[in-house]
Amino acid sequence: MSQSSKSRVGPQPIPASERRRIGQIVHDERGNAFLNWRDAPADETRPVLEILGEPKLTLKAPEETFDPYARSRAPREAPRPRGGTTRTDLRRLSEHIKLMRALEERKRRGDDEE
């Protein structure tokens, strides 16, 4: 090998940890989005993201915080059924239906006693 070929060294490969890449969102034929990575050109400038101005730190007092599980009122009680059990109510309903049927039967026959 000659001396000139040894002195010519090409660009050294950049380690993977220092490689600059640009991501671009691409959609396939079904509409699913995925990220397509490509190597960034050497002259690519990245925008610098900064927070402008003074940060506003406001801490709420403990009484101003919202806790959905801490309730100031007691929960409302469900209304209790009146008249006892369901069986009693069904018996009354059955008696009422029998009376109504008997009244309709009397009206149809013309035995209006009242």
PDB file of N, CA and C in Angstrom:
ATOM      1  N   MET A   1       0.845  -1.164   0.000  1.00  0.00           N
ATOM      2  CA  MET A   1       0.000   0.000   0.000  1.00  0.00           C
ATOM      3  C   MET A   1       0.883   1.217   0.000  1.00  0.00           C
ATOM      4  N   SER A   2       0.393   2.184  -0.671  1.00  0.00           N
ATOM      5  CA  SER A   2       1.157   3.427  -0.718  1.00  0.00           C
ATOM      6  C   SER A   2       0.762   4.327   0.440  1.00  0.00           C
ATOM      7  N   GLN A   3       1.571   5.283   0.687  1.00  0.00           N
ATOM      8  CA  GLN A   3       1.347   6.222   1.778  1.00  0.00           C
ATOM      9  C   GLN A   3       0.105   7.065   1.524  1.00  0.00           C
ATOM     10  N   SER A   4      -0.160   7.419   0.291  1.00  0.00           N
ATOM     11  CA  SER A   4      -1.308   8.274  -0.020  1.00  0.00           C
ATOM     12  C   SER A   4      -2.625   7.557   0.248  1.00  0.00           C
ATOM     13  N   SER A   5      -2.678   6.259   0.004  1.00  0.00           N
ATOM     14  CA  SER A   5      -3.927   5.540   0.250  1.00  0.00           C
ATOM     15  C   SER A   5      -4.195   5.379   1.742  1.00  0.00           C
ATOM     16  N   LYS A   6      -3.142   5.340   2.566  1.00  0.00           N
ATOM     17  CA  LYS A   6      -3.328   5.230   3.995  1.00  0.00           C
ATOM     18  C   LYS A   6      -3.788   6.550   4.592  1.00  0.00           C
ATOM     19  N   SER A   7      -3.339   7.676   4.051  1.00  0.00           N
ATOM     20  CA  SER A   7      -3.711   8.962   4.610  1.00  0.00           C
ATOM     21  C   SER A   7      -5.145   9.350   4.271  1.00  0.00           C
ATOM     22  N   ARG A   8      -5.650   8.769   3.217  1.00  0.00           N
ATOM     23  CA  ARG A   8      -7.044   9.065   2.857  1.00  0.00           C
ATOM     24  C   ARG A   8      -7.978   8.175   3.675  1.00  0.00           C
ATOM     25  N   VAL A   9      -8.624   8.785   4.579  1.00  0.00           N
ATOM     26  CA  VAL A   9      -9.567   8.032   5.397  1.00  0.00           C
ATOM     27  C   VAL A   9     -10.944   8.640   5.158  1.00  0.00           C
ATOM     28  N   GLY A  10     -11.913   7.813   4.872  1.00  0.00           N
ATOM     29  CA  GLY A  10     -13.274   8.281   4.630  1.00  0.00           C
ATOM     30  C   GLY A  10     -13.934   8.703   5.931  1.00  0.00           C
ATOM     31  N   PRO A  11     -15.148   9.225   5.824  1.00  0.00           N
ATOM     32  CA  PRO A  11     -15.851   9.642   7.037  1.00  0.00           C
ATOM     33  C   PRO A  11     -16.080   8.443   7.951  1.00  0.00           C
ATOM     34  N   GLN A  12     -15.836   8.668   9.196  1.00  0.00           N
ATOM     35  CA  GLN A  12     -16.019   7.616  10.187  1.00  0.00           C
ATOM     36  C   GLN A  12     -17.521   7.400  10.416  1.00  0.00           C
ATOM     37  N   PRO A  13     -17.958   6.164  10.583  1.00  0.00           N
ATOM     38  CA  PRO A  13     -19.378   5.931  10.852  1.00  0.00           C
ATOM     39  C   PRO A  13     -19.759   6.509  12.221  1.00  0.00           C
ATOM     40  N   ILE A  14     -20.912   7.110  12.256  1.00  0.00           N
ATOM     41  CA  ILE A  14     -21.415   7.720  13.496  1.00  0.00           C
ATOM     42  C   ILE A  14     -22.017   6.619  14.358  1.00  0.00           C
ATOM     43  N   PRO A  15     -21.680   6.609  15.650  1.00  0.00           N
ATOM     44  CA  PRO A  15     -22.279   5.589  16.521  1.00  0.00           C
ATOM     45  C   PRO A  15     -23.799   5.749  16.573  1.00  0.00           C
ATOM     46  N   ALA A  16     -24.492   4.657  16.803  1.00  0.00           N
ATOM     47  CA  ALA A  16     -25.961   4.662  16.812  1.00  0.00           C
ATOM     48  C   ALA A  16     -26.515   5.600  17.867  1.00  0.00           C
ATOM     49  N   SER A  17     -25.798   5.786  18.986  1.00  0.00           N
ATOM     50  CA  SER A  17     -26.308   6.656  20.046  1.00  0.00           C
ATOM     51  C   SER A  17     -26.251   8.131  19.667  1.00  0.00           C
ATOM     52  N   GLU A  18     -25.390   8.499  18.711  1.00  0.00           N
ATOM     53  CA  GLU A  18     -25.258   9.900  18.316  1.00  0.00           C
ATOM     54  C   GLU A  18     -25.886  10.188  16.955  1.00  0.00           C
ATOM     55  N   ARG A  19     -26.451   9.191  16.316  1.00  0.00           N
ATOM     56  CA  ARG A  19     -27.018   9.373  14.986  1.00  0.00           C
ATOM     57  C   ARG A  19     -28.283  10.220  15.067  1.00  0.00           C
ATOM     58  N   ARG A  20     -28.416  11.160  14.151  1.00  0.00           N
ATOM     59  CA  ARG A  20     -29.592  12.029  14.119  1.00  0.00           C
ATOM     60  C   ARG A  20     -30.599  11.453  13.144  1.00  0.00           C
ATOM     61  N   ARG A  21     -31.812  11.324  13.611  1.00  0.00           N
ATOM     62  CA  ARG A  21     -32.864  10.749  12.773  1.00  0.00           C
ATOM     63  C   ARG A  21     -34.101  11.620  12.844  1.00  0.00           C
ATOM     64  N   ILE A  22     -34.890  11.559  11.807  1.00  0.00           N
ATOM     65  CA  ILE A  22     -36.148  12.308  11.723  1.00  0.00           C
ATOM     66  C   ILE A  22     -37.263  11.290  11.567  1.00  0.00           C
ATOM     67  N   GLY A  23     -38.318  11.462  12.355  1.00  0.00           N
ATOM     68  CA  GLY A  23     -39.467  10.578  12.271  1.00  0.00           C
ATOM     69  C   GLY A  23     -40.603  11.256  11.527  1.00  0.00           C
ATOM     70  N   GLN A  24     -41.287  10.501  10.683  1.00  0.00           N
ATOM     71  CA  GLN A  24     -42.408  11.035   9.914  1.00  0.00           C
ATOM     72  C   GLN A  24     -43.567  10.061  10.029  1.00  0.00           C
ATOM     73  N   ILE A  25     -44.750  10.585  10.302  1.00  0.00           N
ATOM     74  CA  ILE A  25     -45.938   9.743  10.425  1.00  0.00           C
ATOM     75  C   ILE A  25     -46.443   9.405   9.028  1.00  0.00           C
ATOM     76  N   VAL A  26     -46.645   8.102   8.791  1.00  0.00           N
ATOM     77  CA  VAL A  26     -47.096   7.613   7.492  1.00  0.00           C
ATOM     78  C   VAL A  26     -48.307   6.717   7.738  1.00  0.00           C
ATOM     79  N   HIS A  27     -49.284   6.761   6.832  1.00  0.00           N
ATOM     80  CA  HIS A  27     -50.492   5.929   6.935  1.00  0.00           C
ATOM     81  C   HIS A  27     -50.451   4.863   5.850  1.00  0.00           C
ATOM     82  N   ASP A  28     -50.802   3.634   6.214  1.00  0.00           N
ATOM     83  CA  ASP A  28     -50.839   2.564   5.222  1.00  0.00           C
ATOM     84  C   ASP A  28     -52.197   2.542   4.523  1.00  0.00           C
ATOM     85  N   GLU A  29     -52.426   1.519   3.677  1.00  0.00           N
ATOM     86  CA  GLU A  29     -53.655   1.462   2.879  1.00  0.00           C
ATOM     87  C   GLU A  29     -54.904   1.280   3.730  1.00  0.00           C
ATOM     88  N   ARG A  30     -54.772   0.766   4.954  1.00  0.00           N
ATOM     89  CA  ARG A  30     -55.915   0.599   5.855  1.00  0.00           C
ATOM     90  C   ARG A  30     -56.170   1.830   6.711  1.00  0.00           C
ATOM     91  N   GLY A  31     -55.265   2.802   6.677  1.00  0.00           N
ATOM     92  CA  GLY A  31     -55.428   4.002   7.476  1.00  0.00           C
ATOM     93  C   GLY A  31     -54.712   3.950   8.811  1.00  0.00           C
ATOM     94  N   ASN A  32     -53.961   2.868   9.054  1.00  0.00           N
ATOM     95  CA  ASN A  32     -53.202   2.758  10.298  1.00  0.00           C
ATOM     96  C   ASN A  32     -51.959   3.631  10.205  1.00  0.00           C
ATOM     97  N   ALA A  33     -51.673   4.357  11.272  1.00  0.00           N
ATOM     98  CA  ALA A  33     -50.518   5.250  11.294  1.00  0.00           C
ATOM     99  C   ALA A  33     -49.322   4.538  11.897  1.00  0.00           C
ATOM    100  N   PHE A  34     -48.155   4.787  11.335  1.00  0.00           N
ATOM    101  CA  PHE A  34     -46.916   4.304  11.922  1.00  0.00           C
ATOM    102  C   PHE A  34     -45.829   5.328  11.653  1.00  0.00           C
ATOM    103  N   LEU A  35     -44.698   5.185  12.335  1.00  0.00           N
ATOM    104  CA  LEU A  35     -43.616   6.153  12.263  1.00  0.00           C
ATOM    105  C   LEU A  35     -42.536   5.618  11.342  1.00  0.00           C
ATOM    106  N   ASN A  36     -42.200   6.412  10.349  1.00  0.00           N
ATOM    107  CA  ASN A  36     -41.162   6.054   9.394  1.00  0.00           C
ATOM    108  C   ASN A  36     -39.922   6.886   9.721  1.00  0.00           C
ATOM    109  N   TRP A  37     -38.817   6.213  10.072  1.00  0.00           N
ATOM    110  CA  TRP A  37     -37.594   6.908  10.452  1.00  0.00           C
ATOM    111  C   TRP A  37     -36.676   7.034   9.244  1.00  0.00           C
ATOM    112  N   ARG A  38     -35.975   8.175   9.157  1.00  0.00           N
ATOM    113  CA  ARG A  38     -34.940   8.374   8.132  1.00  0.00           C
ATOM    114  C   ARG A  38     -33.804   9.168   8.764  1.00  0.00           C
ATOM    115  N   ASP A  39     -32.621   9.002   8.211  1.00  0.00           N
ATOM    116  CA  ASP A  39     -31.453   9.720   8.724  1.00  0.00           C
ATOM    117  C   ASP A  39     -31.575  11.196   8.374  1.00  0.00           C
ATOM    118  N   ALA A  40     -31.228  12.043   9.329  1.00  0.00           N
ATOM    119  CA  ALA A  40     -31.291  13.486   9.116  1.00  0.00           C
ATOM    120  C   ALA A  40     -30.051  13.934   8.360  1.00  0.00           C
ATOM    121  N   PRO A  41     -30.210  14.894   7.439  1.00  0.00           N
ATOM    122  CA  PRO A  41     -29.022  15.424   6.757  1.00  0.00           C
ATOM    123  C   PRO A  41     -28.127  16.156   7.760  1.00  0.00           C
ATOM    124  N   ALA A  42     -26.863  16.292   7.431  1.00  0.00           N
ATOM    125  CA  ALA A  42     -25.901  16.912   8.343  1.00  0.00           C
ATOM    126  C   ALA A  42     -26.217  18.379   8.589  1.00  0.00           C
ATOM    127  N   ASP A  43     -26.804  19.054   7.603  1.00  0.00           N
ATOM    128  CA  ASP A  43     -27.090  20.484   7.764  1.00  0.00           C
ATOM    129  C   ASP A  43     -28.483  20.767   8.331  1.00  0.00           C
ATOM    130  N   GLU A  44     -29.173  19.741   8.764  1.00  0.00           N
ATOM    131  CA  GLU A  44     -30.523  19.896   9.327  1.00  0.00           C
ATOM    132  C   GLU A  44     -30.429  20.627  10.668  1.00  0.00           C
ATOM    133  N   THR A  45     -31.229  21.670  10.820  1.00  0.00           N
ATOM    134  CA  THR A  45     -31.266  22.394  12.098  1.00  0.00           C
ATOM    135  C   THR A  45     -32.535  22.006  12.834  1.00  0.00           C
ATOM    136  N   ARG A  46     -32.386  21.747  14.091  1.00  0.00           N
ATOM    137  CA  ARG A  46     -33.535  21.386  14.907  1.00  0.00           C
ATOM    138  C   ARG A  46     -34.043  22.621  15.626  1.00  0.00           C
ATOM    139  N   PRO A  47     -35.368  22.781  15.724  1.00  0.00           N
ATOM    140  CA  PRO A  47     -35.872  23.931  16.475  1.00  0.00           C
ATOM    141  C   PRO A  47     -35.593  23.741  17.968  1.00  0.00           C
ATOM    142  N   VAL A  48     -35.221  24.822  18.607  1.00  0.00           N
ATOM    143  CA  VAL A  48     -34.946  24.778  20.041  1.00  0.00           C
ATOM    144  C   VAL A  48     -36.243  25.075  20.772  1.00  0.00           C
ATOM    145  N   LEU A  49     -36.634  24.178  21.646  1.00  0.00           N
ATOM    146  CA  LEU A  49     -37.868  24.352  22.414  1.00  0.00           C
ATOM    147  C   LEU A  49     -37.510  24.887  23.786  1.00  0.00           C
ATOM    148  N   GLU A  50     -38.114  26.026  24.132  1.00  0.00           N
ATOM    149  CA  GLU A  50     -37.837  26.656  25.415  1.00  0.00           C
ATOM    150  C   GLU A  50     -39.146  27.079  26.065  1.00  0.00           C
ATOM    151  N   ILE A  51     -39.103  27.219  27.361  1.00  0.00           N
ATOM    152  CA  ILE A  51     -40.234  27.774  28.097  1.00  0.00           C
ATOM    153  C   ILE A  51     -39.940  29.254  28.265  1.00  0.00           C
ATOM    154  N   LEU A  52     -40.805  30.087  27.748  1.00  0.00           N
ATOM    155  CA  LEU A  52     -40.589  31.528  27.820  1.00  0.00           C
ATOM    156  C   LEU A  52     -41.248  32.098  29.062  1.00  0.00           C
ATOM    157  N   GLY A  53     -40.589  33.055  29.685  1.00  0.00           N
ATOM    158  CA  GLY A  53     -41.172  33.730  30.841  1.00  0.00           C
ATOM    159  C   GLY A  53     -40.966  32.947  32.118  1.00  0.00           C
ATOM    160  N   GLU A  54     -41.445  33.528  33.187  1.00  0.00           N
ATOM    161  CA  GLU A  54     -41.344  32.918  34.506  1.00  0.00           C
ATOM    162  C   GLU A  54     -42.445  31.879  34.676  1.00  0.00           C
ATOM    163  N   PRO A  55     -42.123  30.729  35.201  1.00  0.00           N
ATOM    164  CA  PRO A  55     -43.192  29.754  35.447  1.00  0.00           C
ATOM    165  C   PRO A  55     -44.075  30.228  36.599  1.00  0.00           C
ATOM    166  N   LYS A  56     -45.356  30.061  36.423  1.00  0.00           N
ATOM    167  CA  LYS A  56     -46.312  30.459  37.470  1.00  0.00           C
ATOM    168  C   LYS A  56     -46.596  29.243  38.343  1.00  0.00           C
ATOM    169  N   LEU A  57     -46.151  29.334  39.576  1.00  0.00           N
ATOM    170  CA  LEU A  57     -46.402  28.252  40.520  1.00  0.00           C
ATOM    171  C   LEU A  57     -47.539  28.664  41.433  1.00  0.00           C
ATOM    172  N   THR A  58     -48.642  27.993  41.287  1.00  0.00           N
ATOM    173  CA  THR A  58     -49.779  28.259  42.164  1.00  0.00           C
ATOM    174  C   THR A  58     -50.164  26.953  42.830  1.00  0.00           C
ATOM    175  N   LEU A  59     -50.117  26.953  44.105  1.00  0.00           N
ATOM    176  CA  LEU A  59     -50.511  25.768  44.863  1.00  0.00           C
ATOM    177  C   LEU A  59     -51.862  26.031  45.507  1.00  0.00           C
ATOM    178  N   LYS A  60     -52.746  25.086  45.355  1.00  0.00           N
ATOM    179  CA  LYS A  60     -54.069  25.227  45.955  1.00  0.00           C
ATOM    180  C   LYS A  60     -54.001  24.836  47.419  1.00  0.00           C
ATOM    181  N   ALA A  61     -54.777  25.522  48.198  1.00  0.00           N
ATOM    182  CA  ALA A  61     -54.889  25.163  49.606  1.00  0.00           C
ATOM    183  C   ALA A  61     -55.655  23.849  49.705  1.00  0.00           C
ATOM    184  N   PRO A  62     -55.446  23.066  50.736  1.00  0.00           N
ATOM    185  CA  PRO A  62     -56.125  21.770  50.824  1.00  0.00           C
ATOM    186  C   PRO A  62     -57.645  21.863  50.763  1.00  0.00           C
ATOM    187  N   GLU A  63     -58.241  22.953  51.256  1.00  0.00           N
ATOM    188  CA  GLU A  63     -59.695  23.046  51.216  1.00  0.00           C
ATOM    189  C   GLU A  63     -60.221  23.364  49.817  1.00  0.00           C
ATOM    190  N   GLU A  64     -59.343  23.746  48.900  1.00  0.00           N
ATOM    191  CA  GLU A  64     -59.771  24.082  47.548  1.00  0.00           C
ATOM    192  C   GLU A  64     -59.639  22.916  46.583  1.00  0.00           C
ATOM    193  N   THR A  65     -59.060  21.823  47.016  1.00  0.00           N
ATOM    194  CA  THR A  65     -58.896  20.699  46.116  1.00  0.00           C
ATOM    195  C   THR A  65     -60.208  19.948  45.977  1.00  0.00           C
ATOM    196  N   PHE A  66     -60.338  19.214  44.896  1.00  0.00           N
ATOM    197  CA  PHE A  66     -61.567  18.474  44.612  1.00  0.00           C
ATOM    198  C   PHE A  66     -61.317  16.996  44.832  1.00  0.00           C
ATOM    199  N   ASP A  67     -62.101  16.405  45.684  1.00  0.00           N
ATOM    200  CA  ASP A  67     -62.049  14.976  45.927  1.00  0.00           C
ATOM    201  C   ASP A  67     -63.440  14.417  45.680  1.00  0.00           C
ATOM    202  N   PRO A  68     -63.650  13.680  44.589  1.00  0.00           N
ATOM    203  CA  PRO A  68     -65.005  13.206  44.284  1.00  0.00           C
ATOM    204  C   PRO A  68     -65.530  12.182  45.276  1.00  0.00           C
ATOM    205  N   TYR A  69     -64.641  11.580  46.066  1.00  0.00           N
ATOM    206  CA  TYR A  69     -65.078  10.569  47.017  1.00  0.00           C
ATOM    207  C   TYR A  69     -65.419  11.152  48.388  1.00  0.00           C
ATOM    208  N   ALA A  70     -64.986  12.369  48.648  1.00  0.00           N
ATOM    209  CA  ALA A  70     -65.307  13.000  49.919  1.00  0.00           C
ATOM    210  C   ALA A  70     -66.580  13.809  49.732  1.00  0.00           C
ATOM    211  N   ARG A  71     -67.639  13.396  50.362  1.00  0.00           N
ATOM    212  CA  ARG A  71     -68.924  14.073  50.201  1.00  0.00           C
ATOM    213  C   ARG A  71     -69.242  14.856  51.459  1.00  0.00           C
ATOM    214  N   SER A  72     -69.774  16.053  51.253  1.00  0.00           N
ATOM    215  CA  SER A  72     -70.104  16.885  52.397  1.00  0.00           C
ATOM    216  C   SER A  72     -71.463  16.512  52.987  1.00  0.00           C
ATOM    217  N   ARG A  73     -72.362  15.944  52.162  1.00  0.00           N
ATOM    218  CA  ARG A  73     -73.684  15.540  52.643  1.00  0.00           C
ATOM    219  C   ARG A  73     -73.751  14.026  52.744  1.00  0.00           C
ATOM    220  N   ALA A  74     -74.652  13.579  53.597  1.00  0.00           N
ATOM    221  CA  ALA A  74     -74.905  12.145  53.682  1.00  0.00           C
ATOM    222  C   ALA A  74     -75.727  11.736  52.461  1.00  0.00           C
ATOM    223  N   PRO A  75     -75.500  10.568  51.913  1.00  0.00           N
ATOM    224  CA  PRO A  75     -76.286  10.146  50.755  1.00  0.00           C
ATOM    225  C   PRO A  75     -77.756   9.974  51.121  1.00  0.00           C
ATOM    226  N   ARG A  76     -78.614  10.227  50.126  1.00  0.00           N
ATOM    227  CA  ARG A  76     -80.055  10.079  50.354  1.00  0.00           C
ATOM    228  C   ARG A  76     -80.415   8.613  50.526  1.00  0.00           C
ATOM    229  N   GLU A  77     -81.373   8.377  51.406  1.00  0.00           N
ATOM    230  CA  GLU A  77     -81.838   7.010  51.614  1.00  0.00           C
ATOM    231  C   GLU A  77     -82.900   6.680  50.574  1.00  0.00           C
ATOM    232  N   ALA A  78     -82.937   5.440  50.158  1.00  0.00           N
ATOM    233  CA  ALA A  78     -83.943   4.996  49.193  1.00  0.00           C
ATOM    234  C   ALA A  78     -85.301   4.977  49.878  1.00  0.00           C
ATOM    235  N   PRO A  79     -86.377   5.359  49.175  1.00  0.00           N
ATOM    236  CA  PRO A  79     -87.704   5.331  49.803  1.00  0.00           C
ATOM    237  C   PRO A  79     -88.113   3.896  50.134  1.00  0.00           C
ATOM    238  N   ARG A  80     -88.709   3.737  51.290  1.00  0.00           N
ATOM    239  CA  ARG A  80     -89.147   2.414  51.729  1.00  0.00           C
ATOM    240  C   ARG A  80     -90.548   2.152  51.196  1.00  0.00           C
ATOM    241  N   PRO A  81     -90.815   0.928  50.758  1.00  0.00           N
ATOM    242  CA  PRO A  81     -92.157   0.634  50.244  1.00  0.00           C
ATOM    243  C   PRO A  81     -93.177   0.667  51.373  1.00  0.00           C
ATOM    244  N   ARG A  82     -94.349   1.192  51.070  1.00  0.00           N
ATOM    245  CA  ARG A  82     -95.424   1.276  52.057  1.00  0.00           C
ATOM    246  C   ARG A  82     -96.307   0.046  51.970  1.00  0.00           C
ATOM    247  N   GLY A  83     -96.963  -0.267  53.063  1.00  0.00           N
ATOM    248  CA  GLY A  83     -97.967  -1.319  53.048  1.00  0.00           C
ATOM    249  C   GLY A  83     -97.428  -2.709  53.247  1.00  0.00           C
ATOM    250  N   GLY A  84     -96.195  -2.868  53.495  1.00  0.00           N
ATOM    251  CA  GLY A  84     -95.686  -4.202  53.793  1.00  0.00           C
ATOM    252  C   GLY A  84     -95.100  -4.888  52.589  1.00  0.00           C
ATOM    253  N   THR A  85     -95.487  -6.171  52.434  1.00  0.00           N
ATOM    254  CA  THR A  85     -94.840  -6.989  51.420  1.00  0.00           C
ATOM    255  C   THR A  85     -95.567  -6.915  50.090  1.00  0.00           C
ATOM    256  N   THR A  86     -94.948  -7.473  49.095  1.00  0.00           N
ATOM    257  CA  THR A  86     -95.521  -7.491  47.749  1.00  0.00           C
ATOM    258  C   THR A  86     -96.749  -8.390  47.691  1.00  0.00           C
ATOM    259  N   ARG A  87     -96.782  -9.461  48.482  1.00  0.00           N
ATOM    260  CA  ARG A  87     -97.908 -10.386  48.472  1.00  0.00           C
ATOM    261  C   ARG A  87     -99.196  -9.666  48.837  1.00  0.00           C
ATOM    262  N   THR A  88     -99.171  -8.812  49.831  1.00  0.00           N
ATOM    263  CA  THR A  88    -100.361  -8.075  50.243  1.00  0.00           C
ATOM    264  C   THR A  88    -100.834  -7.170  49.112  1.00  0.00           C
ATOM    265  N   ASP A  89     -99.895  -6.505  48.445  1.00  0.00           N
ATOM    266  CA  ASP A  89    -100.260  -5.630  47.336  1.00  0.00           C
ATOM    267  C   ASP A  89    -100.892  -6.423  46.199  1.00  0.00           C
ATOM    268  N   LEU A  90    -100.394  -7.600  45.904  1.00  0.00           N
ATOM    269  CA  LEU A  90    -100.963  -8.408  44.830  1.00  0.00           C
ATOM    270  C   LEU A  90    -102.352  -8.919  45.191  1.00  0.00           C
ATOM    271  N   ARG A  91    -102.583  -9.194  46.451  1.00  0.00           N
ATOM    272  CA  ARG A  91    -103.922  -9.634  46.867  1.00  0.00           C
ATOM    273  C   ARG A  91    -104.927  -8.504  46.692  1.00  0.00           C
ATOM    274  N   ARG A  92    -104.529  -7.302  47.088  1.00  0.00           N
ATOM    275  CA  ARG A  92    -105.424  -6.154  46.906  1.00  0.00           C
ATOM    276  C   ARG A  92    -105.714  -5.912  45.428  1.00  0.00           C
ATOM    277  N   LEU A  93    -104.676  -6.054  44.611  1.00  0.00           N
ATOM    278  CA  LEU A  93    -104.872  -5.868  43.177  1.00  0.00           C
ATOM    279  C   LEU A  93    -105.830  -6.927  42.629  1.00  0.00           C
ATOM    280  N   SER A  94    -105.673  -8.167  43.071  1.00  0.00           N
ATOM    281  CA  SER A  94    -106.553  -9.243  42.620  1.00  0.00           C
ATOM    282  C   SER A  94    -108.004  -8.977  43.028  1.00  0.00           C
ATOM    283  N   GLU A  95    -108.212  -8.516  44.271  1.00  0.00           N
ATOM    284  CA  GLU A  95    -109.574  -8.194  44.717  1.00  0.00           C
ATOM    285  C   GLU A  95    -110.166  -7.062  43.891  1.00  0.00           C
ATOM    286  N   HIS A  96    -109.376  -6.068  43.583  1.00  0.00           N
ATOM    287  CA  HIS A  96    -109.847  -4.934  42.787  1.00  0.00           C
ATOM    288  C   HIS A  96    -110.240  -5.396  41.385  1.00  0.00           C
ATOM    289  N   ILE A  97    -109.442  -6.254  40.797  1.00  0.00           N
ATOM    290  CA  ILE A  97    -109.753  -6.751  39.447  1.00  0.00           C
ATOM    291  C   ILE A  97    -111.045  -7.563  39.466  1.00  0.00           C
ATOM    292  N   LYS A  98    -111.236  -8.390  40.479  1.00  0.00           N
ATOM    293  CA  LYS A  98    -112.480  -9.172  40.584  1.00  0.00           C
ATOM    294  C   LYS A  98    -113.691  -8.264  40.710  1.00  0.00           C
ATOM    295  N   LEU A  99    -113.606  -7.211  41.530  1.00  0.00           N
ATOM    296  CA  LEU A  99    -114.713  -6.277  41.679  1.00  0.00           C
ATOM    297  C   LEU A  99    -115.013  -5.563  40.361  1.00  0.00           C
ATOM    298  N   MET A 100    -113.977  -5.152  39.648  1.00  0.00           N
ATOM    299  CA  MET A 100    -114.183  -4.445  38.377  1.00  0.00           C
ATOM    300  C   MET A 100    -114.827  -5.370  37.341  1.00  0.00           C
ATOM    301  N   ARG A 101    -114.413  -6.622  37.305  1.00  0.00           N
ATOM    302  CA  ARG A 101    -115.008  -7.575  36.371  1.00  0.00           C
ATOM    303  C   ARG A 101    -116.482  -7.826  36.716  1.00  0.00           C
ATOM    304  N   ALA A 102    -116.755  -7.915  37.984  1.00  0.00           N
ATOM    305  CA  ALA A 102    -118.145  -8.145  38.406  1.00  0.00           C
ATOM    306  C   ALA A 102    -119.014  -6.943  38.030  1.00  0.00           C
ATOM    307  N   LEU A 103    -118.485  -5.710  38.220  1.00  0.00           N
ATOM    308  CA  LEU A 103    -119.228  -4.506  37.835  1.00  0.00           C
ATOM    309  C   LEU A 103    -119.499  -4.480  36.334  1.00  0.00           C
ATOM    310  N   GLU A 104    -118.487  -4.800  35.535  1.00  0.00           N
ATOM    311  CA  GLU A 104    -118.662  -4.804  34.084  1.00  0.00           C
ATOM    312  C   GLU A 104    -119.677  -5.853  33.659  1.00  0.00           C
ATOM    313  N   GLU A 105    -119.668  -7.007  34.329  1.00  0.00           N
ATOM    314  CA  GLU A 105    -120.621  -8.068  34.015  1.00  0.00           C
ATOM    315  C   GLU A 105    -122.047  -7.625  34.325  1.00  0.00           C
ATOM    316  N   ARG A 106    -122.249  -6.943  35.469  1.00  0.00           N
ATOM    317  CA  ARG A 106    -123.571  -6.434  35.821  1.00  0.00           C
ATOM    318  C   ARG A 106    -124.059  -5.416  34.814  1.00  0.00           C
ATOM    319  N   LYS A 107    -123.154  -4.531  34.378  1.00  0.00           N
ATOM    320  CA  LYS A 107    -123.566  -3.497  33.400  1.00  0.00           C
ATOM    321  C   LYS A 107    -123.949  -4.140  32.076  1.00  0.00           C
ATOM    322  N   ARG A 108    -123.229  -5.176  31.690  1.00  0.00           N
ATOM    323  CA  ARG A 108    -123.549  -5.841  30.446  1.00  0.00           C
ATOM    324  C   ARG A 108    -124.913  -6.542  30.513  1.00  0.00           C
ATOM    325  N   ARG A 109    -125.230  -7.121  31.660  1.00  0.00           N
ATOM    326  CA  ARG A 109    -126.501  -7.814  31.831  1.00  0.00           C
ATOM    327  C   ARG A 109    -127.646  -6.847  32.091  1.00  0.00           C
ATOM    328  N   GLY A 110    -127.322  -5.637  32.509  1.00  0.00           N
ATOM    329  CA  GLY A 110    -128.356  -4.666  32.804  1.00  0.00           C
ATOM    330  C   GLY A 110    -128.843  -4.741  34.210  1.00  0.00           C
ATOM    331  N   ASP A 111    -128.140  -5.408  35.097  1.00  0.00           N
ATOM    332  CA  ASP A 111    -128.526  -5.511  36.504  1.00  0.00           C
ATOM    333  C   ASP A 111    -127.929  -4.357  37.292  1.00  0.00           C
ATOM    334  N   ASP A 112    -128.217  -3.169  36.926  1.00  0.00           N
ATOM    335  CA  ASP A 112    -127.652  -2.020  37.622  1.00  0.00           C
ATOM    336  C   ASP A 112    -128.467  -1.797  38.882  1.00  0.00           C
ATOM    337  N   GLU A 113    -128.012  -2.299  40.016  1.00  0.00           N
ATOM    338  CA  GLU A 113    -128.734  -2.196  41.265  1.00  0.00           C
ATOM    339  C   GLU A 113    -128.542  -0.856  41.923  1.00  0.00           C
ATOM    340  N   GLU A 114    -127.541  -0.134  41.548  1.00  0.00           N
ATOM    341  CA  GLU A 114    -127.276   1.123  42.221  1.00  0.00           C
ATOM    342  C   GLU A 114    -127.979   2.274  41.600  1.00  0.00           C
TER     343      GLU A 114
END
